[in-house]
C-alpha atoms as a PDB file:
ATOM      1  CA  MET A   1      55.972  79.833 115.293  1.00  0.00           C
ATOM      2  CA  GLY A   2      54.796  79.332 118.836  1.00  0.00           C
ATOM      3  CA  GLU A   3      53.802  82.980 119.103  1.00  0.00           C
ATOM      4  CA  LEU A   4      51.890  82.773 115.814  1.00  0.00           C
ATOM      5  CA  ARG A   5      49.658  80.039 117.244  1.00  0.00           C
ATOM      6  CA  SER A   6      48.621  82.446 119.990  1.00  0.00           C
ATOM      7  CA  ALA A   7      48.209  85.480 117.731  1.00  0.00           C
ATOM      8  CA  ILE A   8      44.513  84.921 117.058  1.00  0.00           C
ATOM      9  CA  LYS A   9      43.672  84.205 120.681  1.00  0.00           C
ATOM     10  CA  ASN A  10      45.618  87.271 121.814  1.00  0.00           C
ATOM     11  CA  GLU A  11      43.889  89.469 119.187  1.00  0.00           C
ATOM     12  CA  GLU A  12      47.194  90.434 117.597  1.00  0.00           C
ATOM     13  CA  LEU A  13      46.002  89.959 114.010  1.00  0.00           C
ATOM     14  CA  LEU A  14      44.189  92.670 112.088  1.00  0.00           C
ATOM     15  CA  LEU A  15      42.975  93.301 108.576  1.00  0.00           C
ATOM     16  CA  TYR A  16      44.020  96.147 106.311  1.00  0.00           C
ATOM     17  CA  TYR A  17      42.001  96.973 103.179  1.00  0.00           C
ATOM     18  CA  GLN A  18      43.028  98.199  99.742  1.00  0.00           C
ATOM     19  CA  ALA A  19      40.363  99.541  97.411  1.00  0.00           C
ATOM     20  CA  THR A  20      39.439  98.332  93.918  1.00  0.00           C
ATOM     21  CA  VAL A  21      37.980 100.851  91.468  1.00  0.00           C
ATOM     22  CA  ASP A  22      35.661 100.186  88.526  1.00  0.00           C
ATOM     23  CA  MET A  23      37.382 101.936  85.639  1.00  0.00           C
ATOM     24  CA  LYS A  24      34.194 102.703  83.715  1.00  0.00           C
ATOM     25  CA  THR A  25      32.494 104.516  86.566  1.00  0.00           C
ATOM     26  CA  ASN A  26      35.453 105.627  88.744  1.00  0.00           C
ATOM     27  CA  THR A  27      33.611 104.000  91.650  1.00  0.00           C
ATOM     28  CA  ILE A  28      35.107 101.994  94.497  1.00  0.00           C
ATOM     29  CA  VAL A  29      33.378  98.609  94.219  1.00  0.00           C
ATOM     30  CA  GLY A  30      35.456  96.419  96.508  1.00  0.00           C
ATOM     31  CA  MET A  31      38.330  95.924  98.909  1.00  0.00           C
ATOM     32  CA  GLU A  32      41.099  93.367  99.243  1.00  0.00           C
ATOM     33  CA  ALA A  33      41.569  92.145 102.823  1.00  0.00           C
ATOM     34  CA  LEU A  34      45.244  91.963 103.787  1.00  0.00           C
ATOM     35  CA  VAL A  35      46.199  90.392 107.113  1.00  0.00           C
ATOM     36  CA  ARG A  36      48.803  91.989 109.401  1.00  0.00           C
ATOM     37  CA  TRP A  37      50.329  90.748 112.662  1.00  0.00           C
ATOM     38  CA  GLN A  38      50.690  93.417 115.335  1.00  0.00           C
ATOM     39  CA  HIS A  39      53.411  91.655 117.297  1.00  0.00           C
ATOM     40  CA  PRO A  40      53.745  92.929 120.895  1.00  0.00           C
ATOM     41  CA  SER A  41      57.534  93.382 120.661  1.00  0.00           C
ATOM     42  CA  LEU A  42      58.400  93.239 116.931  1.00  0.00           C
ATOM     43  CA  GLY A  43      55.731  95.676 115.767  1.00  0.00           C
ATOM     44  CA  LEU A  44      53.734  95.317 112.538  1.00  0.00           C
ATOM     45  CA  ILE A  45      54.659  92.165 110.606  1.00  0.00           C
ATOM     46  CA  PHE A  46      53.595  91.771 106.971  1.00  0.00           C
ATOM     47  CA  PRO A  47      52.124  88.509 105.615  1.00  0.00           C
ATOM     48  CA  ASP A  48      55.160  87.652 103.473  1.00  0.00           C
ATOM     49  CA  GLU A  49      57.039  87.117 106.725  1.00  0.00           C
ATOM     50  CA  PHE A  50      54.563  84.929 108.616  1.00  0.00           C
ATOM     51  CA  ILE A  51      52.287  83.238 106.056  1.00  0.00           C
ATOM     52  CA  PRO A  52      55.096  80.806 105.048  1.00  0.00           C
ATOM     53  CA  LEU A  53      55.408  79.897 108.746  1.00  0.00           C
ATOM     54  CA  ALA A  54      51.654  79.346 108.940  1.00  0.00           C
ATOM     55  CA  GLU A  55      51.913  77.037 105.906  1.00  0.00           C
ATOM     56  CA  GLN A  56      54.719  75.015 107.488  1.00  0.00           C
ATOM     57  CA  MET A  57      52.874  74.438 110.745  1.00  0.00           C
ATOM     58  CA  GLU A  58      49.506  73.770 109.081  1.00  0.00           C
ATOM     59  CA  PHE A  59      48.099  76.799 110.887  1.00  0.00           C
ATOM     60  CA  VAL A  60      47.053  78.474 107.659  1.00  0.00           C
ATOM     61  CA  ASN A  61      43.554  76.923 107.606  1.00  0.00           C
ATOM     62  CA  SER A  62      42.750  78.449 111.001  1.00  0.00           C
ATOM     63  CA  LEU A  63      44.258  81.748 109.885  1.00  0.00           C
ATOM     64  CA  THR A  64      42.194  81.788 106.685  1.00  0.00           C
ATOM     65  CA  LEU A  65      38.975  81.091 108.566  1.00  0.00           C
ATOM     66  CA  TRP A  66      39.787  83.966 110.940  1.00  0.00           C
ATOM     67  CA  VAL A  67      40.327  86.297 107.965  1.00  0.00           C
ATOM     68  CA  LEU A  68      37.081  85.139 106.334  1.00  0.00           C
ATOM     69  CA  ASP A  69      35.159  85.709 109.584  1.00  0.00           C
ATOM     70  CA  ARG A  70      36.560  89.232 110.022  1.00  0.00           C
ATOM     71  CA  ALA A  71      35.997  90.047 106.347  1.00  0.00           C
ATOM     72  CA  ALA A  72      32.360  88.898 106.473  1.00  0.00           C
ATOM     73  CA  SER A  73      31.825  90.950 109.621  1.00  0.00           C
ATOM     74  CA  GLN A  74      33.253  93.995 107.831  1.00  0.00           C
ATOM     75  CA  ILE A  75      31.021  93.432 104.796  1.00  0.00           C
ATOM     76  CA  ARG A  76      28.005  93.368 107.121  1.00  0.00           C
ATOM     77  CA  GLU A  77      29.169  96.591 108.791  1.00  0.00           C
ATOM     78  CA  TRP A  78      29.471  98.304 105.410  1.00  0.00           C
ATOM     79  CA  LEU A  79      26.084  96.961 104.296  1.00  0.00           C
ATOM     80  CA  ASP A  80      24.484  98.365 107.432  1.00  0.00           C
ATOM     81  CA  ALA A  81      26.089 101.705 106.554  1.00  0.00           C
ATOM     82  CA  GLY A  82      24.500 101.563 103.081  1.00  0.00           C
ATOM     83  CA  LEU A  83      27.639 100.566 101.155  1.00  0.00           C
ATOM     84  CA  ASN A  84      27.824  97.767  98.589  1.00  0.00           C
ATOM     85  CA  LEU A  85      31.450  96.585  98.675  1.00  0.00           C
ATOM     86  CA  THR A  86      32.841  93.182  97.808  1.00  0.00           C
ATOM     87  CA  VAL A  87      35.800  91.928  99.838  1.00  0.00           C
ATOM     88  CA  SER A  88      38.574  89.741  98.419  1.00  0.00           C
ATOM     89  CA  VAL A  89      40.381  87.167 100.570  1.00  0.00           C
ATOM     90  CA  ASN A  90      43.440  85.171  99.543  1.00  0.00           C
ATOM     91  CA  LEU A  91      43.418  81.377  99.758  1.00  0.00           C
ATOM     92  CA  SER A  92      46.511  79.203 100.174  1.00  0.00           C
ATOM     93  CA  THR A  93      47.358  75.863  98.602  1.00  0.00           C
ATOM     94  CA  ARG A  94      46.400  74.086 101.844  1.00  0.00           C
ATOM     95  CA  ASN A  95      42.973  75.743 101.772  1.00  0.00           C
ATOM     96  CA  LEU A  96      42.368  74.199  98.355  1.00  0.00           C
ATOM     97  CA  GLN A  97      42.944  70.732  99.804  1.00  0.00           C
ATOM     98  CA  ASP A  98      40.324  71.223 102.560  1.00  0.00           C
ATOM     99  CA  GLU A  99      37.158  69.452 101.436  1.00  0.00           C
ATOM    100  CA  GLY A 100      35.217  71.149 104.226  1.00  0.00           C
ATOM    101  CA  LEU A 101      36.119  74.684 103.134  1.00  0.00           C
ATOM    102  CA  PRO A 102      32.916  75.436 101.146  1.00  0.00           C
ATOM    103  CA  GLY A 103      30.736  74.423 104.096  1.00  0.00           C
ATOM    104  CA  LYS A 104      32.773  76.513 106.536  1.00  0.00           C
ATOM    105  CA  ILE A 105      32.526  79.563 104.274  1.00  0.00           C
ATOM    106  CA  LYS A 106      28.769  79.111 103.967  1.00  0.00           C
ATOM    107  CA  GLU A 107      28.450  79.039 107.767  1.00  0.00           C
ATOM    108  CA  ILE A 108      30.397  82.291 108.080  1.00  0.00           C
ATOM    109  CA  LEU A 109      28.359  84.062 105.389  1.00  0.00           C
ATOM    110  CA  ASP A 110      25.087  82.864 106.919  1.00  0.00           C
ATOM    111  CA  GLN A 111      26.194  84.014 110.374  1.00  0.00           C
ATOM    112  CA  TYR A 112      26.666  87.601 109.176  1.00  0.00           C
ATOM    113  CA  ARG A 113      23.786  87.520 106.636  1.00  0.00           C
ATOM    114  CA  VAL A 114      26.170  88.306 103.779  1.00  0.00           C
ATOM    115  CA  SER A 115      25.482  87.376 100.168  1.00  0.00           C
ATOM    116  CA  PRO A 116      28.110  85.052  98.631  1.00  0.00           C
ATOM    117  CA  ALA A 117      28.272  87.529  95.723  1.00  0.00           C
ATOM    118  CA  LEU A 118      30.013  90.017  98.038  1.00  0.00           C
ATOM    119  CA  LEU A 119      32.916  87.646  98.735  1.00  0.00           C
ATOM    120  CA  THR A 120      35.760  87.085  96.263  1.00  0.00           C
ATOM    121  CA  LEU A 121      38.356  84.386  96.875  1.00  0.00           C
ATOM    122  CA  GLU A 122      41.757  84.900  95.254  1.00  0.00           C
ATOM    123  CA  ILE A 123      43.897  81.900  94.318  1.00  0.00           C
ATOM    124  CA  LYS A 124      47.399  81.954  92.871  1.00  0.00           C
ATOM    125  CA  GLU A 125      47.956  80.026  89.655  1.00  0.00           C
ATOM    126  CA  SER A 126      50.689  77.908  91.218  1.00  0.00           C
ATOM    127  CA  PHE A 127      48.368  76.809  94.043  1.00  0.00           C
ATOM    128  CA  ILE A 128      45.850  75.478  91.532  1.00  0.00           C
ATOM    129  CA  MET A 129      48.542  73.586  89.627  1.00  0.00           C
ATOM    130  CA  THR A 130      49.685  71.776  92.812  1.00  0.00           C
ATOM    131  CA  ASN A 131      46.639  69.502  92.647  1.00  0.00           C
ATOM    132  CA  PRO A 132      44.402  70.669  89.776  1.00  0.00           C
ATOM    133  CA  GLY A 133      41.757  67.990  90.218  1.00  0.00           C
ATOM    134  CA  ARG A 134      41.103  68.726  93.892  1.00  0.00           C
ATOM    135  CA  ALA A 135      41.388  72.492  93.367  1.00  0.00           C
ATOM    136  CA  ILE A 136      38.826  72.484  90.553  1.00  0.00           C
ATOM    137  CA  GLU A 137      36.463  70.382  92.697  1.00  0.00           C
ATOM    138  CA  ILE A 138      36.661  72.826  95.638  1.00  0.00           C
ATOM    139  CA  LEU A 139      36.436  75.889  93.382  1.00  0.00           C
ATOM    140  CA  THR A 140      33.407  74.471  91.570  1.00  0.00           C
ATOM    141  CA  GLN A 141      31.583  74.033  94.890  1.00  0.00           C
ATOM    142  CA  LEU A 142      32.384  77.614  95.864  1.00  0.00           C
ATOM    143  CA  HIS A 143      31.311  78.885  92.435  1.00  0.00           C
ATOM    144  CA  ASN A 144      28.006  77.030  92.750  1.00  0.00           C
ATOM    145  CA  MET A 145      27.460  78.744  96.123  1.00  0.00           C
ATOM    146  CA  GLY A 146      27.691  82.122  94.368  1.00  0.00           C
ATOM    147  CA  VAL A 147      31.133  83.103  95.682  1.00  0.00           C
ATOM    148  CA  LYS A 148      33.261  84.976  93.131  1.00  0.00           C
ATOM    149  CA  LEU A 149      36.656  83.504  92.245  1.00  0.00           C
ATOM    150  CA  SER A 150      39.768  85.260  91.005  1.00  0.00           C
ATOM    151  CA  ILE A 151      43.162  84.007  89.802  1.00  0.00           C
ATOM    152  CA  ASP A 152      45.814  86.126  91.493  1.00  0.00           C
ATOM    153  CA  ASP A 153      49.185  87.062  89.949  1.00  0.00           C
ATOM    154  CA  PHE A 154      48.093  85.801  86.553  1.00  0.00           C
ATOM    155  CA  GLY A 155      50.983  85.288  84.147  1.00  0.00           C
ATOM    156  CA  THR A 156      53.647  84.690  86.803  1.00  0.00           C
ATOM    157  CA  GLY A 157      52.907  81.082  87.797  1.00  0.00           C
ATOM    158  CA  TYR A 158      53.113  77.699  86.128  1.00  0.00           C
ATOM    159  CA  SER A 159      49.638  77.807  84.730  1.00  0.00           C
ATOM    160  CA  SER A 160      48.134  75.960  81.837  1.00  0.00           C
ATOM    161  CA  LEU A 161      45.631  77.543  79.483  1.00  0.00           C
ATOM    162  CA  ALA A 162      44.097  74.080  79.164  1.00  0.00           C
ATOM    163  CA  TYR A 163      43.106  74.321  82.846  1.00  0.00           C
ATOM    164  CA  LEU A 164      42.125  77.990  82.656  1.00  0.00           C
ATOM    165  CA  LYS A 165      39.226  77.263  80.315  1.00  0.00           C
ATOM    166  CA  HIS A 166      37.855  74.709  82.811  1.00  0.00           C
ATOM    167  CA  LEU A 167      38.253  76.788  85.975  1.00  0.00           C
ATOM    168  CA  PRO A 168      34.989  78.296  87.287  1.00  0.00           C
ATOM    169  CA  VAL A 169      36.551  81.724  87.859  1.00  0.00           C
ATOM    170  CA  ASN A 170      35.118  85.199  87.318  1.00  0.00           C
ATOM    171  CA  GLU A 171      38.273  87.259  87.152  1.00  0.00           C
ATOM    172  CA  ILE A 172      42.022  87.292  86.738  1.00  0.00           C
ATOM    173  CA  LYS A 173      44.386  89.747  88.420  1.00  0.00           C
ATOM    174  CA  LEU A 174      47.277  91.205  86.475  1.00  0.00           C
ATOM    175  CA  ASN A 175      50.424  91.028  88.554  1.00  0.00           C
ATOM    176  CA  LYS A 176      51.913  94.416  89.400  1.00  0.00           C
ATOM    177  CA  SER A 177      55.281  93.371  87.944  1.00  0.00           C
ATOM    178  CA  PHE A 178      53.732  93.790  84.471  1.00  0.00           C
ATOM    179  CA  VAL A 179      51.716  96.905  85.286  1.00  0.00           C
ATOM    180  CA  MET A 180      54.078  99.211  87.173  1.00  0.00           C
ATOM    181  CA  ASP A 181      56.590  99.708  84.335  1.00  0.00           C
ATOM    182  CA  MET A 182      54.313  99.062  81.377  1.00  0.00           C
ATOM    183  CA  LEU A 183      54.678 102.583  79.983  1.00  0.00           C
ATOM    184  CA  ASN A 184      58.463 102.175  79.817  1.00  0.00           C
ATOM    185  CA  ASP A 185      58.724  98.545  78.762  1.00  0.00           C
ATOM    186  CA  GLY A 186      57.330  97.475  75.407  1.00  0.00           C
ATOM    187  CA  ASN A 187      57.188  93.813  76.422  1.00  0.00           C
ATOM    188  CA  ASP A 188      55.175  94.587  79.554  1.00  0.00           C
ATOM    189  CA  ILE A 189      52.604  96.612  77.640  1.00  0.00           C
ATOM    190  CA  ILE A 190      52.196  93.794  75.106  1.00  0.00           C
ATOM    191  CA  ILE A 191      51.733  91.270  77.930  1.00  0.00           C
ATOM    192  CA  VAL A 192      49.179  93.482  79.697  1.00  0.00           C
ATOM    193  CA  LYS A 193      47.134  94.088  76.555  1.00  0.00           C
ATOM    194  CA  SER A 194      47.302  90.405  75.553  1.00  0.00           C
ATOM    195  CA  ILE A 195      46.154  89.153  78.964  1.00  0.00           C
ATOM    196  CA  ILE A 196      43.244  91.614  79.014  1.00  0.00           C
ATOM    197  CA  ASN A 197      42.154  90.488  75.537  1.00  0.00           C
ATOM    198  CA  LEU A 198      42.519  86.813  76.489  1.00  0.00           C
ATOM    199  CA  ALA A 199      40.456  87.278  79.635  1.00  0.00           C
ATOM    200  CA  HIS A 200      37.685  89.160  77.858  1.00  0.00           C
ATOM    201  CA  ASN A 201      37.528  86.491  75.144  1.00  0.00           C
ATOM    202  CA  LEU A 202      36.963  83.969  77.945  1.00  0.00           C
ATOM    203  CA  SER A 203      34.259  86.227  79.465  1.00  0.00           C
ATOM    204  CA  LEU A 204      36.470  87.032  82.465  1.00  0.00           C
ATOM    205  CA  LYS A 205      37.000  90.408  84.105  1.00  0.00           C
ATOM    206  CA  VAL A 206      40.489  91.795  84.747  1.00  0.00           C
ATOM    207  CA  THR A 207      41.832  93.657  87.765  1.00  0.00           C
ATOM    208  CA  ALA A 208      45.227  95.344  87.378  1.00  0.00           C
ATOM    209  CA  GLU A 209      47.397  95.560  90.486  1.00  0.00           C
ATOM    210  CA  GLY A 210      50.184  98.056  91.049  1.00  0.00           C
ATOM    211  CA  VAL A 211      48.438 101.076  89.508  1.00  0.00           C
ATOM    212  CA  GLU A 212      50.492 103.969  90.835  1.00  0.00           C
ATOM    213  CA  THR A 213      49.996 106.818  88.333  1.00  0.00           C
ATOM    214  CA  HIS A 214      47.249 108.548  86.390  1.00  0.00           C
ATOM    215  CA  GLU A 215      49.052 107.696  83.136  1.00  0.00           C
ATOM    216  CA  ILE A 216      48.963 103.962  83.854  1.00  0.00           C
ATOM    217  CA  MET A 217      45.307 104.262  84.806  1.00  0.00           C
ATOM    218  CA  GLU A 218      44.554 105.955  81.475  1.00  0.00           C
ATOM    219  CA  LYS A 219      46.399 103.306  79.465  1.00  0.00           C
ATOM    220  CA  LEU A 220      44.545 100.498  81.250  1.00  0.00           C
ATOM    221  CA  HIS A 221      41.279 102.300  80.541  1.00  0.00           C
ATOM    222  CA  GLU A 222      42.264 102.428  76.867  1.00  0.00           C
ATOM    223  CA  PHE A 223      42.807  98.646  76.974  1.00  0.00           C
ATOM    224  CA  GLU A 224      39.324  98.269  78.570  1.00  0.00           C
ATOM    225  CA  CYS A 225      40.665  96.777  81.801  1.00  0.00           C
ATOM    226  CA  ASN A 226      37.748  96.382  84.211  1.00  0.00           C
ATOM    227  CA  HIS A 227      39.195  97.205  87.626  1.00  0.00           C
ATOM    228  CA  ALA A 228      42.327  98.783  89.082  1.00  0.00           C
ATOM    229  CA  GLN A 229      44.064  98.541  92.429  1.00  0.00           C
ATOM    230  CA  GLY A 230      47.162 100.318  93.713  1.00  0.00           C
ATOM    231  CA  TYR A 231      48.635 103.366  95.415  1.00  0.00           C
ATOM    232  CA  PHE A 232      47.058 105.729  92.862  1.00  0.00           C
ATOM    233  CA  ILE A 233      43.701 104.756  94.380  1.00  0.00           C
ATOM    234  CA  ASN A 234      44.772 104.195  97.994  1.00  0.00           C
ATOM    235  CA  LYS A 235      47.281 102.445 100.211  1.00  0.00           C
ATOM    236  CA  SER A 236      46.182  99.545 102.400  1.00  0.00           C
ATOM    237  CA  LEU A 237      44.762 100.857 105.667  1.00  0.00           C
ATOM    238  CA  PRO A 238      42.842  99.548 108.700  1.00  0.00           C
ATOM    239  CA  SER A 239      39.083  99.456 108.139  1.00  0.00           C
ATOM    240  CA  ASN A 240      38.423 102.520 110.301  1.00  0.00           C
ATOM    241  CA  GLN A 241      40.782 104.596 108.119  1.00  0.00           C
ATOM    242  CA  THR A 242      39.983 103.200 104.663  1.00  0.00           C
ATOM    243  CA  LEU A 243      36.723 104.980 103.908  1.00  0.00           C
ATOM    244  CA  PRO A 244      37.735 108.342 105.450  1.00  0.00           C
ATOM    245  CA  SER A 245      40.839 108.354 103.232  1.00  0.00           C
ATOM    246  CA  LEU A 246      38.748 107.608 100.131  1.00  0.00           C
ATOM    247  CA  GLU A 247      36.224 110.317 101.032  1.00  0.00           C
ATOM    248  CA  LYS A 248      39.055 112.853 100.810  1.00  0.00           C
ATOM    249  CA  SER A 249      39.741 111.762  97.226  1.00  0.00           C
ATOM    250  CA  ASP A 250      37.656 111.972  94.061  1.00  0.00           C
ATOM    251  CA  TRP A 251      36.509 108.339  94.222  1.00  0.00           C
ATOM    252  CA  LYS A 252      32.867 107.504  94.752  1.00  0.00           C
ATOM    253  CA  VAL A 253      31.967 104.482  96.885  1.00  0.00           C
ATOM    254  CA  ARG A 254      29.294 102.123  95.586  1.00  0.00           C
ATOM    255  CA  LYS A 255      26.051 102.325  97.531  1.00  0.00           C
ATOM    256  CA  ALA A 256      22.630 100.580  97.335  1.00  0.00           C
ATOM    257  CA  PRO A 257      23.609  97.275  98.985  1.00  0.00           C
ATOM    258  CA  LEU A 258      22.632  93.887  97.642  1.00  0.00           C
ATOM    259  CA  ARG A 259      19.789  92.288  99.563  1.00  0.00           C
ATOM    260  CA  TYR A 260      20.214  88.912 101.188  1.00  0.00           C
END
């Protein structure tokens, strides 16, 4: 925990990116930013191992702001290269209790001259349910700024459809636990199709995680899922490797950047 406090200062943290594809156009339209800790003696540490520590020591707000800063800088770099890519960043339950979060995000976006429409914030269902009133207040402020909002791991938390209809979100993400085996499990395929229909009836887009085969991609396309993410598209990679790996594939990358 002591070493984690110094990780930012010692430049031991880095962001990996995993692409999101628009299923109608087969075009890469965004990236999810995934933080990694390059520990000097333990090697590469994944977020599942250190994010809980950050939560315990109330370090997660500083960590999230670092991720947002690096993500906004990367968006600006891609814009300057003529690419129009949104970046998704995960928020924690503590972030949703920080009344100053919307203002801090605005400062970061203004610093890098990045449109709020190019930033997506992902929130787990269970985090919203911890304090729904405060969460909805913070999310509404972010929505009014123009930031896109997504509910992560939809269908796995303790959500309430009564709250879903009041949340100012743009998208829900289908958890990979439903997607990866959907062609072999009748219950999973029913859940996937039902969630997509529910989301579309609420005017929400759907991103499916855990897309690992062409067959799953085709079935999701049949269900009119909007976006897909997973190893079939690309694995998470550092920013300097992400685009070169995609250029070797058949995916197009969205160009013509938004103006801000």
